[in-house]
Amino acid sequence: MRRLLRSLRTEPSSFFLHVDRKSDTCVFEQIADELRDIPNVQFLKRHACYWGGFGHVAATLEGINVLSHSRSDFDYAVLLTGQDYPIKSPSQIAAFFQEHQGKLFLDNFSLPSDEWTNGGMDRVRFWYLRLFQRPVRFPPAPSPLPRRTPPKGLKLFGGSSYWCLTRECVEYVSQFVSERHNVVRYFRYVDVPDELFFQTIVMNSPFRDAVINDNLRYIDWKDPDAGSPAVLTKADFPALATSSKLFARKFDIGVDARVLDLIDEELLAAS
C-alpha cells in the first residue's frame, strides 16, 4: 500500500483508505504505521468485505461520503484497490484529466447483456443473503415465487467495479444515496452489487451523457473462464509500456515484484 500511495503522491492529492474489517487489528496498525509519513491520508470506517457482498459498496460509499464532506479540493475521485498500480506518472494522470475535464470514466452496459451469464438478470431477480458468511440465493430455482424488480424509474446497468468520477458526480452520488434509501436496500441483496450499483446510479443520472465507457485500467483476462484477471508479471511489461491506460491491475508482489520495479524505473521515473 505504501508503494502505491508513494507512486501517486503529489502535493494536492488526498488518499482515503479503507482496510477490510476482516483484517486483523495488527494488520491495520502495520498499514497505518507504514503510511504515517505520507501526508493527506485518511482512514475510513471499516466494513467487512466478502466477495459478492454489499461490503464493497458500503466501503466505497463511506469514502464518497467522507470525501464529499471534506475540505479536499479535488476535481476527480479514482477508485483503486491494493492490487492496482499506475502505469502513467502523476503529472501524466493530471494532464489526462485536465484534457478530459468534465468527462467521467465508467465501464458500463445495460442489462440484460451478453457480457454476463443469463444476461446478468439472475444477479438482480433473486435475493442474495449471507448465512454464516456464505452466499445463499432465495428463492432457489426453480420457484413459483415472484422475482424482484428494480426500484421504479431505474434501468439497470453493470460493468467493472472501478471508476474515475468528477467531483460533481461524486457529490451527486452522495446526495442520491442519502435520499433514495430504497435503491440502497435493493442493491444490498443483489449478487456482486459493486458491479451494478454505481453504473445504475450514474447511467440514470444527469451525468450519463458525460460518461466515457472506459475504466482506464489495463487488465488481462488471459483465461476468459477464470473468475478474476491474470496477475501481471514482468513478461507483461512491454504491453504495459505501450498501453494508453492510466492504471493496471492486478499485481501481487508475492508472485512478481519485479514488474513494479520496471514500472517505477521505466515508466514513472522516466516521465
Protein backbone atom coordinates (compact mmCIF):
# COMPACT_ATOMS: atom_id res chain seq x y z
CA MET A 1 0.00 0.00 0.00
CA ARG A 2 2.84 2.37 0.83
CA ARG A 3 4.34 1.80 -2.60
CA LEU A 4 1.05 2.53 -4.34
CA LEU A 5 0.45 5.78 -2.46
CA ARG A 6 4.01 6.98 -2.97
CA SER A 7 3.71 6.33 -6.70
CA LEU A 8 0.64 8.61 -6.83
CA ARG A 9 1.66 11.24 -4.32
CA THR A 10 1.53 14.88 -5.34
CA GLU A 11 1.03 17.93 -3.17
CA PRO A 12 -2.69 18.38 -3.91
CA SER A 13 -3.55 14.65 -3.78
CA SER A 14 -5.52 13.14 -0.91
CA PHE A 15 -5.98 9.46 -0.09
CA PHE A 16 -8.99 7.94 1.64
CA LEU A 17 -8.06 4.41 2.62
CA HIS A 18 -10.31 1.52 3.53
CA VAL A 19 -8.95 -1.58 5.26
CA ASP A 20 -11.27 -4.59 5.31
CA ARG A 21 -12.75 -5.08 8.78
CA LYS A 22 -11.96 -8.79 8.49
CA SER A 23 -8.26 -7.95 8.61
CA ASP A 24 -6.58 -8.41 11.98
CA THR A 25 -6.01 -5.31 14.08
CA CYS A 26 -2.27 -5.85 13.82
CA VAL A 27 -2.51 -5.70 10.02
CA PHE A 28 -4.39 -2.42 10.19
CA GLU A 29 -1.91 -0.97 12.65
CA GLN A 30 1.01 -2.04 10.47
CA ILE A 31 -0.51 -0.32 7.44
CA ALA A 32 -1.20 2.83 9.44
CA ASP A 33 2.38 2.86 10.73
CA GLU A 34 3.85 2.40 7.25
CA LEU A 35 1.84 5.35 5.92
CA ARG A 36 2.47 7.67 8.83
CA ASP A 37 4.90 9.89 6.89
CA ILE A 38 2.68 10.22 3.81
CA PRO A 39 0.55 13.40 4.01
CA ASN A 40 -3.17 13.64 3.31
CA VAL A 41 -4.02 10.05 4.22
CA GLN A 42 -7.31 9.44 6.00
CA PHE A 43 -8.50 6.03 7.15
CA LEU A 44 -12.18 5.27 6.66
CA LYS A 45 -14.62 3.44 8.89
CA ARG A 46 -14.03 -0.23 8.23
CA HIS A 47 -16.57 -2.56 6.63
CA ALA A 48 -16.42 -6.33 6.23
CA CYS A 49 -15.97 -7.04 2.52
CA TYR A 50 -16.89 -10.51 1.33
CA TRP A 51 -16.67 -11.34 -2.35
CA GLY A 52 -20.03 -10.78 -3.98
CA GLY A 53 -21.43 -8.95 -0.94
CA PHE A 54 -22.54 -5.38 -0.29
CA GLY A 55 -19.49 -4.61 1.87
CA HIS A 56 -17.51 -3.39 -1.14
CA VAL A 57 -20.25 -0.90 -1.98
CA ALA A 58 -20.58 0.15 1.67
CA ALA A 59 -16.84 0.80 1.90
CA THR A 60 -16.88 2.84 -1.31
CA LEU A 61 -19.89 4.85 -0.14
CA GLU A 62 -18.04 5.51 3.11
CA GLY A 63 -15.24 7.07 1.09
CA ILE A 64 -17.63 9.02 -1.12
CA ASN A 65 -19.47 10.42 1.90
CA VAL A 66 -16.27 11.44 3.70
CA LEU A 67 -14.78 12.91 0.53
CA SER A 68 -17.94 14.85 -0.29
CA HIS A 69 -17.99 16.44 3.15
CA SER A 70 -14.26 17.02 3.43
CA ARG A 71 -12.37 20.19 2.67
CA SER A 72 -10.39 18.39 0.00
CA ASP A 73 -10.29 20.47 -3.17
CA PHE A 74 -10.48 17.76 -5.82
CA ASP A 75 -11.55 17.53 -9.45
CA TYR A 76 -11.61 13.73 -9.76
CA ALA A 77 -12.00 10.75 -7.46
CA VAL A 78 -10.37 7.50 -8.55
CA LEU A 79 -11.36 4.16 -7.04
CA LEU A 80 -8.31 1.90 -6.68
CA THR A 81 -7.53 -1.34 -4.88
CA GLY A 82 -4.32 -2.51 -3.27
CA GLN A 83 -3.65 -4.63 -6.37
CA ASP A 84 -3.75 -1.65 -8.75
CA TYR A 85 -0.75 0.41 -9.80
CA PRO A 86 -0.30 3.43 -12.06
CA ILE A 87 1.43 2.99 -15.41
CA LYS A 88 1.48 6.74 -16.01
CA SER A 89 3.18 9.33 -13.80
CA PRO A 90 1.15 11.68 -11.57
CA SER A 91 1.82 14.56 -13.98
CA GLN A 92 0.59 12.49 -16.93
CA ILE A 93 -2.51 11.44 -15.00
CA ALA A 94 -3.24 15.05 -14.06
CA ALA A 95 -2.74 16.17 -17.68
CA PHE A 96 -5.12 13.45 -18.89
CA PHE A 97 -7.92 14.54 -16.58
CA GLN A 98 -7.30 18.19 -17.44
CA GLU A 99 -7.64 17.34 -21.13
CA HIS A 100 -10.85 15.41 -20.47
CA GLN A 101 -12.25 17.80 -17.89
CA GLY A 102 -15.90 17.11 -17.12
CA LYS A 103 -15.83 13.56 -18.51
CA LEU A 104 -16.50 10.50 -16.34
CA PHE A 105 -14.79 7.15 -16.85
CA LEU A 106 -17.02 4.21 -16.05
CA ASP A 107 -17.18 0.80 -17.73
CA ASN A 108 -20.87 0.10 -18.30
CA PHE A 109 -23.50 -1.81 -20.24
CA SER A 110 -27.26 -2.05 -19.87
CA LEU A 111 -28.92 -5.21 -18.58
CA PRO A 112 -29.70 -7.75 -19.89
CA SER A 113 -26.27 -8.06 -21.54
CA ASP A 114 -24.32 -10.73 -23.38
CA GLU A 115 -21.39 -9.77 -21.14
CA TRP A 116 -22.85 -11.85 -18.29
CA THR A 117 -24.44 -15.29 -17.95
CA ASN A 118 -28.21 -15.16 -18.46
CA GLY A 119 -27.83 -11.51 -19.33
CA GLY A 120 -26.91 -10.79 -15.71
CA MET A 121 -30.55 -10.89 -14.71
CA ASP A 122 -30.08 -13.73 -12.23
CA ARG A 123 -27.98 -11.28 -10.20
CA VAL A 124 -30.92 -8.96 -9.62
CA ARG A 125 -34.06 -11.11 -9.79
CA PHE A 126 -33.34 -13.07 -6.64
CA TRP A 127 -32.49 -12.23 -3.05
CA TYR A 128 -28.85 -12.89 -2.20
CA LEU A 129 -28.31 -13.29 1.53
CA ARG A 130 -25.43 -14.46 3.72
CA LEU A 131 -25.77 -17.41 6.05
CA PHE A 132 -22.72 -17.91 8.26
CA GLN A 133 -20.84 -15.70 5.80
CA ARG A 134 -21.77 -17.91 2.84
CA PRO A 135 -23.87 -16.54 -0.04
CA VAL A 136 -27.35 -18.01 -0.33
CA ARG A 137 -29.86 -17.31 -3.11
CA PHE A 138 -33.54 -17.05 -2.29
CA PRO A 139 -35.79 -18.36 -3.59
CA PRO A 140 -33.83 -21.29 -5.01
CA ALA A 141 -34.59 -22.04 -8.64
CA PRO A 142 -36.95 -23.23 -9.91
CA SER A 143 -39.57 -21.46 -7.85
CA PRO A 144 -43.09 -20.10 -8.42
CA LEU A 145 -42.38 -17.20 -6.05
CA PRO A 146 -42.30 -13.72 -7.61
CA ARG A 147 -38.94 -12.30 -8.62
CA ARG A 148 -37.52 -8.98 -7.50
CA THR A 149 -37.96 -5.87 -9.60
CA PRO A 150 -35.71 -2.79 -9.52
CA PRO A 151 -36.85 0.48 -7.95
CA LYS A 152 -39.29 2.33 -10.16
CA GLY A 153 -37.70 4.52 -12.79
CA LEU A 154 -34.27 2.86 -12.74
CA LYS A 155 -32.82 0.99 -15.70
CA LEU A 156 -30.18 -1.48 -14.56
CA PHE A 157 -26.55 -1.22 -15.71
CA GLY A 158 -23.49 -3.29 -14.95
CA GLY A 159 -19.75 -3.16 -15.54
CA SER A 160 -16.34 -3.13 -13.91
CA SER A 161 -16.18 -2.14 -10.23
CA TYR A 162 -13.54 0.56 -10.79
CA TRP A 163 -14.14 4.12 -11.95
CA CYS A 164 -12.89 7.71 -12.18
CA LEU A 165 -15.62 10.25 -11.39
CA THR A 166 -15.73 14.03 -11.30
CA ARG A 167 -16.28 15.91 -8.07
CA GLU A 168 -19.78 16.92 -9.19
CA CYS A 169 -20.73 13.30 -9.87
CA VAL A 170 -19.29 12.10 -6.55
CA GLU A 171 -21.36 14.71 -4.73
CA TYR A 172 -24.42 13.69 -6.74
CA VAL A 173 -23.98 10.02 -5.73
CA SER A 174 -23.56 11.04 -2.09
CA GLN A 175 -26.78 13.06 -2.19
CA PHE A 176 -28.62 10.33 -4.13
CA VAL A 177 -27.94 7.57 -1.60
CA SER A 178 -28.89 9.86 1.28
CA GLU A 179 -32.31 10.39 -0.32
CA ARG A 180 -33.02 7.08 -2.09
CA HIS A 181 -32.79 4.54 0.69
CA ASN A 182 -34.95 2.14 -1.32
CA VAL A 183 -32.26 1.92 -4.00
CA VAL A 184 -29.59 1.13 -1.43
CA ARG A 185 -31.84 -1.54 0.13
CA TYR A 186 -32.46 -3.09 -3.27
CA PHE A 187 -28.77 -3.41 -4.12
CA ARG A 188 -27.91 -4.71 -0.68
CA TYR A 189 -29.41 -8.05 -1.73
CA VAL A 190 -28.24 -8.45 -5.34
CA ASP A 191 -25.29 -10.58 -6.40
CA VAL A 192 -21.93 -8.76 -6.74
CA PRO A 193 -23.52 -5.31 -6.27
CA ASP A 194 -20.24 -3.41 -6.76
CA GLU A 195 -20.55 -4.30 -10.47
CA LEU A 196 -24.06 -2.81 -10.65
CA PHE A 197 -24.60 -0.12 -8.03
CA PHE A 198 -22.59 2.83 -9.34
CA GLN A 199 -23.27 2.08 -13.01
CA THR A 200 -27.01 2.13 -12.38
CA ILE A 201 -26.95 5.36 -10.40
CA VAL A 202 -24.66 7.26 -12.78
CA MET A 203 -26.26 6.00 -16.02
CA ASN A 204 -29.68 7.08 -14.74
CA SER A 205 -28.37 10.49 -13.72
CA PRO A 206 -27.86 13.85 -15.48
CA PHE A 207 -24.18 12.82 -15.85
CA ARG A 208 -24.86 9.91 -18.20
CA ASP A 209 -24.01 11.91 -21.34
CA ALA A 210 -20.57 12.75 -19.89
CA VAL A 211 -19.66 9.09 -19.34
CA ILE A 212 -16.84 7.53 -21.37
CA ASN A 213 -17.19 3.76 -21.36
CA ASP A 214 -13.68 3.03 -20.10
CA ASN A 215 -12.32 2.40 -16.59
CA LEU A 216 -8.79 3.44 -17.67
CA ARG A 217 -7.30 0.13 -16.47
CA TYR A 218 -5.06 -2.31 -18.31
CA ILE A 219 -6.47 -5.71 -17.33
CA ASP A 220 -5.54 -9.04 -18.89
CA TRP A 221 -8.13 -11.79 -18.90
CA LYS A 222 -5.75 -14.46 -20.18
CA ASP A 223 -8.30 -17.08 -19.22
CA PRO A 224 -11.80 -15.79 -20.05
CA ASP A 225 -13.32 -18.56 -17.92
CA ALA A 226 -11.33 -17.60 -14.84
CA GLY A 227 -13.06 -15.82 -12.01
CA SER A 228 -10.52 -12.99 -11.93
CA PRO A 229 -7.97 -11.34 -14.25
CA ALA A 230 -4.42 -12.59 -14.59
CA VAL A 231 -1.73 -11.45 -12.16
CA LEU A 232 0.64 -9.27 -14.20
CA THR A 233 4.35 -10.10 -14.28
CA LYS A 234 7.48 -8.70 -15.91
CA ALA A 235 6.52 -10.64 -19.05
CA ASP A 236 3.59 -8.21 -19.35
CA PHE A 237 5.77 -5.11 -19.10
CA PRO A 238 6.04 -4.45 -22.88
CA ALA A 239 2.23 -4.35 -23.08
CA LEU A 240 2.04 -2.08 -20.05
CA ALA A 241 4.66 0.26 -21.50
CA THR A 242 2.69 0.75 -24.73
CA SER A 243 -0.77 0.92 -23.16
CA SER A 244 -2.71 4.18 -23.23
CA LYS A 245 -4.36 3.32 -19.90
CA LEU A 246 -3.55 5.19 -16.69
CA PHE A 247 -3.58 2.22 -14.32
CA ALA A 248 -3.22 -1.55 -14.43
CA ARG A 249 -4.36 -4.49 -12.35
CA LYS A 250 -3.80 -6.85 -10.84
CA PHE A 251 -0.38 -7.11 -9.23
CA ASP A 252 0.89 -9.40 -6.48
CA ILE A 253 4.38 -8.86 -5.07
CA GLY A 254 4.28 -12.45 -3.80
CA VAL A 255 4.11 -13.57 -7.43
CA ASP A 256 6.29 -10.96 -9.15
CA ALA A 257 7.54 -7.72 -7.62
CA ARG A 258 9.98 -7.04 -10.46
CA VAL A 259 7.21 -5.81 -12.75
CA LEU A 260 6.55 -2.94 -10.31
CA ASP A 261 10.27 -2.12 -10.28
CA LEU A 262 10.21 -1.90 -14.08
CA ILE A 263 7.18 0.38 -14.00
CA ASP A 264 8.89 2.64 -11.46
CA GLU A 265 12.17 2.74 -13.36
CA GLU A 266 10.97 2.85 -16.96
CA LEU A 267 7.54 4.48 -16.88
CA LEU A 268 7.16 6.63 -13.78
CA ALA A 269 10.70 7.90 -13.20
CA ALA A 270 11.29 8.49 -16.90
CA SER A 271 8.20 10.65 -17.09
